[in-house]
Amino acid sequence: MSAKVVICCGSGGVGKTSLSAALALRLAHGGARVAVLTIDPARRLADSLGVGAIGNEPVAVPMPGPGSLDALMLDARHTFDALVRRFAADAAAAERVLANRYYQFASTRLGGSHEYMAMERLLELAQSGRYDVVVLDTPPTRHALDFLRAPERMSGLMDQGVLRWLVMPAGAGGWRALEVGSDVVSRVLKTLLGEGTVSEIAEFFEAFRGLGEGMRQRSLSVQALLRAPGTRFLLVSSPSAASRAEALHFLSVLRAEGMPFGGFLINRVAVPPRELVVGDLVAACAAEVQPEVTAAIGLRLRGLCAQHGRLAAAHQRAIQTLRSAGPAGAPCWEVPEQDEELLELTGLSGLSPHLPDADALWGAGSSAR
């Protein structure tokens, strides 16, 4: 049985990494076995969770309570290597692909390979049986859109006649064009690229031929996972106009692709100040300084509070604009601006009251388990 999946998307600088970690903690505290995976190379997740370096394999986050939490950061090359080993005909075939210089280049630099491997790693975690929920922290919106489209592009590539021709054995007329020295195509390519390079590319595609169908099927499985009933996309934004615009753009893509929208997470929301706190501060000053100084302090504090109150009101208007542009009744969770950067579990746990639980994500009475 596949785990439930929560994918946090949004523009850069809105706190997706911290909120992804905090949401994973909240679900784990509810008793679920949770993994949180980041494909953002900024490497902030480990700092937020206080677990030191993390990589492609799960690292346990020490936490009290009935659930558990593992953290990972995508290593695209490692994931691609594992995929090759899984679908190769045998160990020798896998090693031929892995040793090929063209593969070594393509697995790290080919356009879309990083995004596709992110989806592959997500699928692995969801199908592993080790977790009830997988929370995914994505890179900024533009790259996250590449991430969403990577499985479809990969499965389409595997179906294209050009690739089918390329991976045909030489005897069927495919790579014969590169192997027969008298062929015009062979001469041109060898002149442009060098004979050794062309031979290596030919070897790569010949070895890759046995992987194509398996990778195509995995791509289809990922596409199904992204649209599964247990998957939720949360759009992370701030009250700023730019991040709201990106969130709404992403929402239009989700609608067009038929992917399940779970709600908005609005981060760094200004909270109206409490007049009672101002009065207490002024009273405390009165006991320590002269009356005229106390009056000046009180005036300044009330001015700052009024300014912050205007900011809070502007944030609420911005949030209402986002709500109005989104689907009717779409959930919207507001996370207050924090006094300091969240680099410890205690700080992340403090965000729990502002984040959705399993019931809010998957319906009343549901469980992440």
Protein backbone atom coordinates (compact mmCIF):
# COMPACT_ATOMS: atom_id res chain seq x y z
CA MET A 1 0.00 0.00 0.00
CA SER A 2 1.35 3.42 -0.98
CA ALA A 3 1.93 6.06 1.68
CA LYS A 4 0.06 9.34 1.65
CA VAL A 5 2.04 12.18 0.07
CA VAL A 6 2.16 15.91 0.88
CA ILE A 7 4.01 18.12 -1.61
CA CYS A 8 4.88 21.65 -0.49
CA CYS A 9 5.34 24.06 -3.41
CA GLY A 10 5.82 27.81 -3.76
CA SER A 11 8.17 30.62 -4.67
CA GLY A 12 11.65 31.00 -3.22
CA GLY A 13 12.12 32.61 0.18
CA VAL A 14 8.70 31.82 1.63
CA GLY A 15 9.91 29.21 4.14
CA LYS A 16 8.92 25.97 2.37
CA THR A 17 11.76 24.01 3.94
CA SER A 18 10.93 25.03 7.51
CA LEU A 19 7.20 24.48 7.01
CA SER A 20 7.79 21.09 5.37
CA ALA A 21 9.87 20.01 8.36
CA ALA A 22 7.34 21.42 10.84
CA LEU A 23 4.44 19.72 9.05
CA ALA A 24 6.30 16.40 9.03
CA LEU A 25 6.89 16.80 12.78
CA ARG A 26 3.22 17.53 13.39
CA LEU A 27 2.12 14.40 11.53
CA ALA A 28 4.76 12.31 13.31
CA HIS A 29 3.62 13.62 16.70
CA GLY A 30 0.15 12.39 15.69
CA GLY A 31 1.50 8.85 15.55
CA ALA A 32 2.44 8.49 11.88
CA ARG A 33 5.66 7.13 10.41
CA VAL A 34 6.81 10.10 8.35
CA ALA A 35 9.64 10.83 5.92
CA VAL A 36 10.48 14.38 4.83
CA LEU A 37 12.45 14.69 1.58
CA THR A 38 13.95 17.85 0.13
CA ILE A 39 15.10 18.28 -3.46
CA ASP A 40 16.15 21.86 -2.78
CA PRO A 41 19.99 21.92 -2.85
CA ALA A 42 20.11 24.75 -0.28
CA ARG A 43 20.58 22.10 2.46
CA ARG A 44 18.53 23.90 5.10
CA LEU A 45 16.49 20.88 6.15
CA ALA A 46 19.25 19.28 8.20
CA ASP A 47 19.80 22.56 10.04
CA SER A 48 16.10 22.88 10.82
CA LEU A 49 15.88 19.34 12.18
CA GLY A 50 19.19 19.43 14.02
CA VAL A 51 20.39 16.05 12.71
CA GLY A 52 23.67 17.01 11.05
CA ALA A 53 24.36 16.04 7.46
CA ILE A 54 21.64 14.19 5.56
CA GLY A 55 21.73 12.52 2.17
CA ASN A 56 19.85 10.13 -0.05
CA GLU A 57 19.28 7.58 2.72
CA PRO A 58 16.89 8.18 5.67
CA VAL A 59 18.30 9.73 8.83
CA ALA A 60 16.19 9.33 11.98
CA VAL A 61 15.16 12.54 13.74
CA PRO A 62 15.12 12.06 17.53
CA MET A 63 11.69 12.98 18.81
CA PRO A 64 9.33 11.95 21.61
CA GLY A 65 5.88 10.56 20.94
CA PRO A 66 4.27 7.59 19.24
CA GLY A 67 5.34 8.38 15.67
CA SER A 68 8.68 8.57 13.88
CA LEU A 69 10.38 10.95 11.47
CA ASP A 70 13.15 10.35 8.92
CA ALA A 71 14.81 13.08 6.86
CA LEU A 72 16.44 12.80 3.42
CA MET A 73 17.94 15.06 0.77
CA LEU A 74 17.89 13.92 -2.84
CA ASP A 75 21.09 12.62 -4.40
CA ALA A 76 20.05 12.42 -8.06
CA ARG A 77 23.10 10.45 -9.22
CA HIS A 78 22.74 7.85 -6.46
CA THR A 79 19.04 7.45 -7.30
CA PHE A 80 19.74 7.11 -11.03
CA ASP A 81 22.41 4.46 -10.34
CA ALA A 82 19.94 2.49 -8.23
CA LEU A 83 17.36 2.71 -11.02
CA VAL A 84 19.86 1.35 -13.54
CA ARG A 85 20.69 -1.57 -11.26
CA ARG A 86 16.98 -2.30 -10.73
CA PHE A 87 16.05 -2.52 -14.41
CA ALA A 88 19.23 -3.84 -16.00
CA ALA A 89 19.04 -7.40 -17.31
CA ASP A 90 21.86 -8.45 -14.98
CA ALA A 91 24.72 -7.04 -12.90
CA ALA A 92 27.09 -6.99 -15.86
CA ALA A 93 24.64 -4.96 -17.96
CA ALA A 94 24.19 -2.49 -15.09
CA GLU A 95 27.93 -2.02 -14.72
CA ARG A 96 28.31 -1.36 -18.45
CA VAL A 97 25.81 1.50 -18.17
CA LEU A 98 27.29 2.88 -14.95
CA ALA A 99 30.83 2.86 -16.34
CA ASN A 100 29.84 4.62 -19.55
CA ARG A 101 31.05 8.22 -19.68
CA TYR A 102 27.94 9.37 -21.53
CA TYR A 103 25.76 7.95 -18.76
CA GLN A 104 27.91 9.65 -16.13
CA PHE A 105 27.30 12.96 -17.89
CA ALA A 106 23.59 12.36 -18.57
CA SER A 107 22.80 11.22 -15.03
CA THR A 108 23.91 14.54 -13.53
CA ARG A 109 23.61 17.17 -16.28
CA LEU A 110 20.96 16.03 -18.74
CA GLY A 111 18.01 18.43 -18.65
CA GLY A 112 15.24 17.09 -16.44
CA SER A 113 17.25 14.23 -14.95
CA HIS A 114 17.37 15.82 -11.47
CA GLU A 115 13.61 16.40 -11.45
CA TYR A 116 12.88 12.90 -12.74
CA MET A 117 15.08 11.32 -10.08
CA ALA A 118 13.28 13.36 -7.42
CA MET A 119 10.04 11.76 -8.55
CA GLU A 120 11.65 8.34 -8.59
CA ARG A 121 12.90 8.78 -5.01
CA LEU A 122 9.46 9.97 -3.92
CA LEU A 123 7.89 6.86 -5.45
CA GLU A 124 10.44 4.61 -3.75
CA LEU A 125 9.68 6.09 -0.34
CA ALA A 126 5.91 6.01 -0.86
CA GLN A 127 5.98 2.35 -1.92
CA SER A 128 8.59 1.15 0.58
CA GLY A 129 6.07 0.19 3.28
CA ARG A 130 8.22 2.02 5.85
CA TYR A 131 6.11 5.19 5.98
CA ASP A 132 2.54 6.34 6.39
CA VAL A 133 3.28 9.81 4.98
CA VAL A 134 6.00 11.29 2.79
CA VAL A 135 6.36 15.10 2.91
CA LEU A 136 8.20 16.61 -0.04
CA ASP A 137 9.92 20.01 0.10
CA THR A 138 10.34 21.28 -3.46
CA PRO A 139 12.58 23.96 -4.96
CA PRO A 140 11.12 27.32 -6.05
CA THR A 141 8.03 27.23 -8.27
CA ARG A 142 9.72 27.38 -11.66
CA HIS A 143 11.86 24.32 -10.92
CA ALA A 144 9.00 22.59 -9.14
CA LEU A 145 6.95 22.84 -12.35
CA ASP A 146 9.78 21.00 -14.13
CA PHE A 147 9.58 18.46 -11.35
CA LEU A 148 5.85 17.88 -11.95
CA ARG A 149 6.30 17.44 -15.69
CA ALA A 150 9.42 15.24 -15.52
CA PRO A 151 7.59 11.87 -15.29
CA GLU A 152 5.41 12.67 -18.30
CA ARG A 153 8.41 13.84 -20.31
CA MET A 154 10.33 10.68 -19.41
CA SER A 155 7.51 8.29 -20.30
CA GLY A 156 6.96 10.25 -23.53
CA LEU A 157 10.65 9.99 -24.37
CA MET A 158 10.50 6.24 -23.94
CA ASP A 159 7.59 6.11 -26.39
CA GLN A 160 9.11 8.32 -29.08
CA GLY A 161 10.09 6.72 -32.33
CA VAL A 162 13.49 8.46 -32.32
CA LEU A 163 14.56 6.86 -29.05
CA ARG A 164 13.14 3.51 -30.12
CA TRP A 165 15.29 3.80 -33.24
CA LEU A 166 18.34 4.81 -31.22
CA VAL A 167 18.13 1.85 -28.87
CA MET A 168 17.57 -0.72 -31.61
CA PRO A 169 20.47 -3.13 -32.03
CA ALA A 170 22.76 -2.46 -34.95
CA GLY A 171 21.50 -5.52 -36.77
CA ALA A 172 18.04 -3.98 -37.02
CA GLY A 173 19.38 -0.84 -38.67
CA GLY A 174 19.47 1.41 -35.63
CA TRP A 175 22.98 2.13 -34.46
CA ARG A 176 24.35 0.70 -37.73
CA ALA A 177 24.43 4.34 -38.92
CA LEU A 178 27.04 5.08 -36.26
CA GLU A 179 28.91 1.82 -36.55
CA VAL A 180 29.40 1.54 -40.31
CA GLY A 181 32.34 3.77 -41.19
CA SER A 182 31.17 4.45 -44.74
CA ASP A 183 27.80 5.85 -43.68
CA VAL A 184 27.34 9.60 -44.17
CA VAL A 185 25.81 10.09 -40.68
CA SER A 186 28.64 8.17 -39.09
CA ARG A 187 31.27 10.26 -40.85
CA VAL A 188 29.63 13.56 -39.90
CA LEU A 189 29.11 12.62 -36.24
CA LYS A 190 32.58 11.21 -35.86
CA THR A 191 34.02 14.37 -37.36
CA LEU A 192 32.02 16.60 -35.00
CA LEU A 193 32.27 14.52 -31.83
CA GLY A 194 35.21 12.20 -32.31
CA GLU A 195 35.13 8.50 -33.02
CA GLY A 196 35.59 7.48 -29.37
CA THR A 197 32.71 9.67 -28.23
CA VAL A 198 30.35 8.32 -30.87
CA SER A 199 31.25 4.76 -29.92
CA GLU A 200 30.58 5.47 -26.25
CA ILE A 201 27.19 7.02 -27.07
CA ALA A 202 26.36 3.97 -29.17
CA GLU A 203 27.37 1.68 -26.30
CA PHE A 204 25.26 3.72 -23.87
CA PHE A 205 22.10 3.49 -25.95
CA GLU A 206 22.64 -0.18 -26.62
CA ALA A 207 23.02 -0.83 -22.87
CA PHE A 208 20.13 1.54 -22.13
CA ARG A 209 17.83 -0.44 -24.41
CA GLY A 210 17.04 -2.94 -21.67
CA LEU A 211 16.11 -0.19 -19.19
CA GLY A 212 13.61 1.71 -21.31
CA GLU A 213 10.41 -0.20 -20.58
CA GLY A 214 11.07 -0.39 -16.85
CA MET A 215 11.71 3.34 -16.62
CA ARG A 216 8.64 4.10 -18.69
CA GLN A 217 6.49 2.06 -16.32
CA ARG A 218 8.01 3.81 -13.32
CA SER A 219 7.20 7.16 -14.92
CA LEU A 220 3.59 6.11 -15.32
CA SER A 221 3.52 5.00 -11.67
CA VAL A 222 4.82 8.40 -10.56
CA GLN A 223 2.16 10.17 -12.62
CA ALA A 224 -0.48 8.03 -10.93
CA LEU A 225 0.98 8.79 -7.48
CA LEU A 226 0.77 12.55 -8.11
CA ARG A 227 -2.95 12.19 -8.81
CA ALA A 228 -3.71 9.57 -6.16
CA PRO A 229 -6.49 10.16 -3.57
CA GLY A 230 -3.92 10.23 -0.77
CA THR A 231 -1.76 12.94 -2.35
CA ARG A 232 -2.08 16.61 -1.42
CA PHE A 233 -0.34 19.65 -2.89
CA LEU A 234 0.05 22.52 -0.43
CA LEU A 235 0.89 25.90 -1.93
CA VAL A 236 3.20 27.83 0.39
CA SER A 237 3.10 31.60 0.06
CA SER A 238 3.70 34.78 2.02
CA PRO A 239 1.40 37.82 1.96
CA SER A 240 3.64 39.46 -0.68
CA ALA A 241 2.18 40.04 -4.13
CA ALA A 242 4.97 38.17 -5.93
CA SER A 243 4.69 34.95 -3.91
CA ARG A 244 0.87 35.06 -4.12
CA ALA A 245 1.08 35.39 -7.90
CA GLU A 246 3.39 32.37 -8.13
CA ALA A 247 1.10 30.33 -5.88
CA LEU A 248 -1.88 31.09 -8.10
CA HIS A 249 0.11 30.24 -11.22
CA PHE A 250 1.04 26.91 -9.67
CA LEU A 251 -2.60 26.35 -8.76
CA SER A 252 -3.60 26.81 -12.40
CA VAL A 253 -1.07 24.12 -13.35
CA LEU A 254 -2.45 21.74 -10.73
CA ARG A 255 -5.95 22.26 -12.09
CA ALA A 256 -4.84 21.68 -15.67
CA GLU A 257 -2.97 18.51 -14.69
CA GLY A 258 -5.74 17.15 -12.48
CA MET A 259 -3.58 17.04 -9.36
CA PRO A 260 -5.15 17.26 -5.88
CA PHE A 261 -4.89 20.68 -4.22
CA GLY A 262 -4.82 20.53 -0.42
CA GLY A 263 -4.84 24.22 0.52
CA PHE A 264 -2.72 27.32 1.07
CA LEU A 265 -0.03 27.71 3.73
CA ILE A 266 0.55 31.44 4.28
CA ASN A 267 3.82 32.00 6.08
CA ARG A 268 5.21 35.06 7.92
CA VAL A 269 1.86 36.65 8.62
CA ALA A 270 1.98 39.77 10.81
CA VAL A 271 -0.18 39.45 13.94
CA PRO A 272 -1.92 42.56 15.35
CA PRO A 273 -0.22 43.72 18.57
CA ARG A 274 -2.09 43.55 21.84
CA GLU A 275 -2.72 46.88 23.56
CA LEU A 276 -2.55 45.16 26.95
CA VAL A 277 1.11 44.28 26.32
CA VAL A 278 1.88 47.91 25.48
CA GLY A 279 0.19 49.05 28.70
CA ASP A 280 2.23 46.56 30.73
CA LEU A 281 5.47 47.79 29.17
CA VAL A 282 4.61 51.43 29.86
CA ALA A 283 3.72 50.57 33.45
CA ALA A 284 7.04 48.79 33.88
CA CYS A 285 8.88 51.83 32.55
CA ALA A 286 7.01 54.13 34.95
CA ALA A 287 8.50 52.32 37.88
CA GLU A 288 12.04 52.87 36.61
CA VAL A 289 12.23 56.24 34.81
CA GLN A 290 10.89 59.77 35.04
CA PRO A 291 7.28 60.48 33.95
CA GLU A 292 8.25 62.48 30.86
CA VAL A 293 10.50 59.63 29.69
CA THR A 294 7.71 57.14 30.35
CA ALA A 295 5.34 59.26 28.26
CA ALA A 296 7.82 59.39 25.39
CA ILE A 297 8.34 55.64 25.54
CA GLY A 298 4.59 55.04 25.60
CA LEU A 299 4.08 57.31 22.59
CA ARG A 300 6.79 55.54 20.64
CA LEU A 301 5.48 52.06 21.51
CA ARG A 302 1.94 52.97 20.53
CA GLY A 303 3.23 54.39 17.25
CA LEU A 304 5.09 51.16 16.51
CA CYS A 305 2.04 49.10 17.44
CA ALA A 306 -0.16 51.18 15.14
CA GLN A 307 2.32 50.68 12.31
CA HIS A 308 2.43 46.92 12.93
CA GLY A 309 -1.35 46.86 13.11
CA ARG A 310 -1.55 48.45 9.66
CA LEU A 311 0.85 45.81 8.35
CA ALA A 312 -1.26 43.03 9.88
CA ALA A 313 -4.39 44.49 8.28
CA ALA A 314 -2.61 44.67 4.90
CA HIS A 315 -1.59 41.02 5.28
CA GLN A 316 -5.19 40.01 5.95
CA ARG A 317 -6.34 41.84 2.83
CA ALA A 318 -3.65 40.06 0.81
CA ILE A 319 -4.67 36.68 2.24
CA GLN A 320 -8.30 37.37 1.40
CA THR A 321 -7.25 38.14 -2.18
CA LEU A 322 -5.51 34.75 -2.35
CA ARG A 323 -8.53 32.96 -0.86
CA SER A 324 -10.87 34.66 -3.34
CA ALA A 325 -8.73 33.66 -6.31
CA GLY A 326 -8.47 30.06 -5.17
CA PRO A 327 -11.12 27.33 -5.22
CA ALA A 328 -14.24 28.00 -3.15
CA GLY A 329 -13.76 26.76 0.39
CA ALA A 330 -10.08 25.97 -0.09
CA PRO A 331 -8.33 25.51 3.28
CA CYS A 332 -5.93 28.27 4.25
CA TRP A 333 -3.56 28.05 7.22
CA GLU A 334 -1.80 31.17 8.50
CA VAL A 335 1.62 30.86 10.13
CA PRO A 336 2.64 33.93 12.17
CA GLU A 337 5.93 35.70 11.62
CA GLN A 338 8.54 34.20 13.96
CA ASP A 339 10.90 36.25 16.08
CA GLU A 340 13.95 34.26 14.98
CA GLU A 341 15.04 31.66 12.43
CA LEU A 342 13.80 28.16 13.18
CA LEU A 343 16.87 25.97 13.54
CA GLU A 344 15.74 23.57 16.27
CA LEU A 345 13.02 20.99 16.79
CA THR A 346 11.49 23.04 19.59
CA GLY A 347 10.94 25.99 17.29
CA LEU A 348 9.54 23.82 14.52
CA SER A 349 7.19 22.07 16.95
CA GLY A 350 5.92 25.48 18.02
CA LEU A 351 4.44 25.92 14.55
CA SER A 352 2.20 22.85 14.94
CA PRO A 353 -0.96 24.73 16.05
CA HIS A 354 -0.84 26.70 12.80
CA LEU A 355 -0.43 23.69 10.49
CA PRO A 356 -2.89 21.06 9.22
CA ASP A 357 -3.17 17.66 10.84
CA ALA A 358 -4.23 14.40 9.19
CA ASP A 359 -7.94 15.20 9.54
CA ALA A 360 -7.49 18.59 7.88
CA LEU A 361 -5.52 17.11 5.00
CA TRP A 362 -7.49 13.95 4.29
CA GLY A 363 -10.88 14.48 5.92
CA ALA A 364 -12.41 14.21 9.37
CA GLY A 365 -11.80 10.88 11.04
CA SER A 366 -8.89 10.06 8.74
CA SER A 367 -5.56 8.88 10.00
CA ALA A 368 -2.12 9.29 8.54
CA ARG A 369 -1.49 5.68 9.41
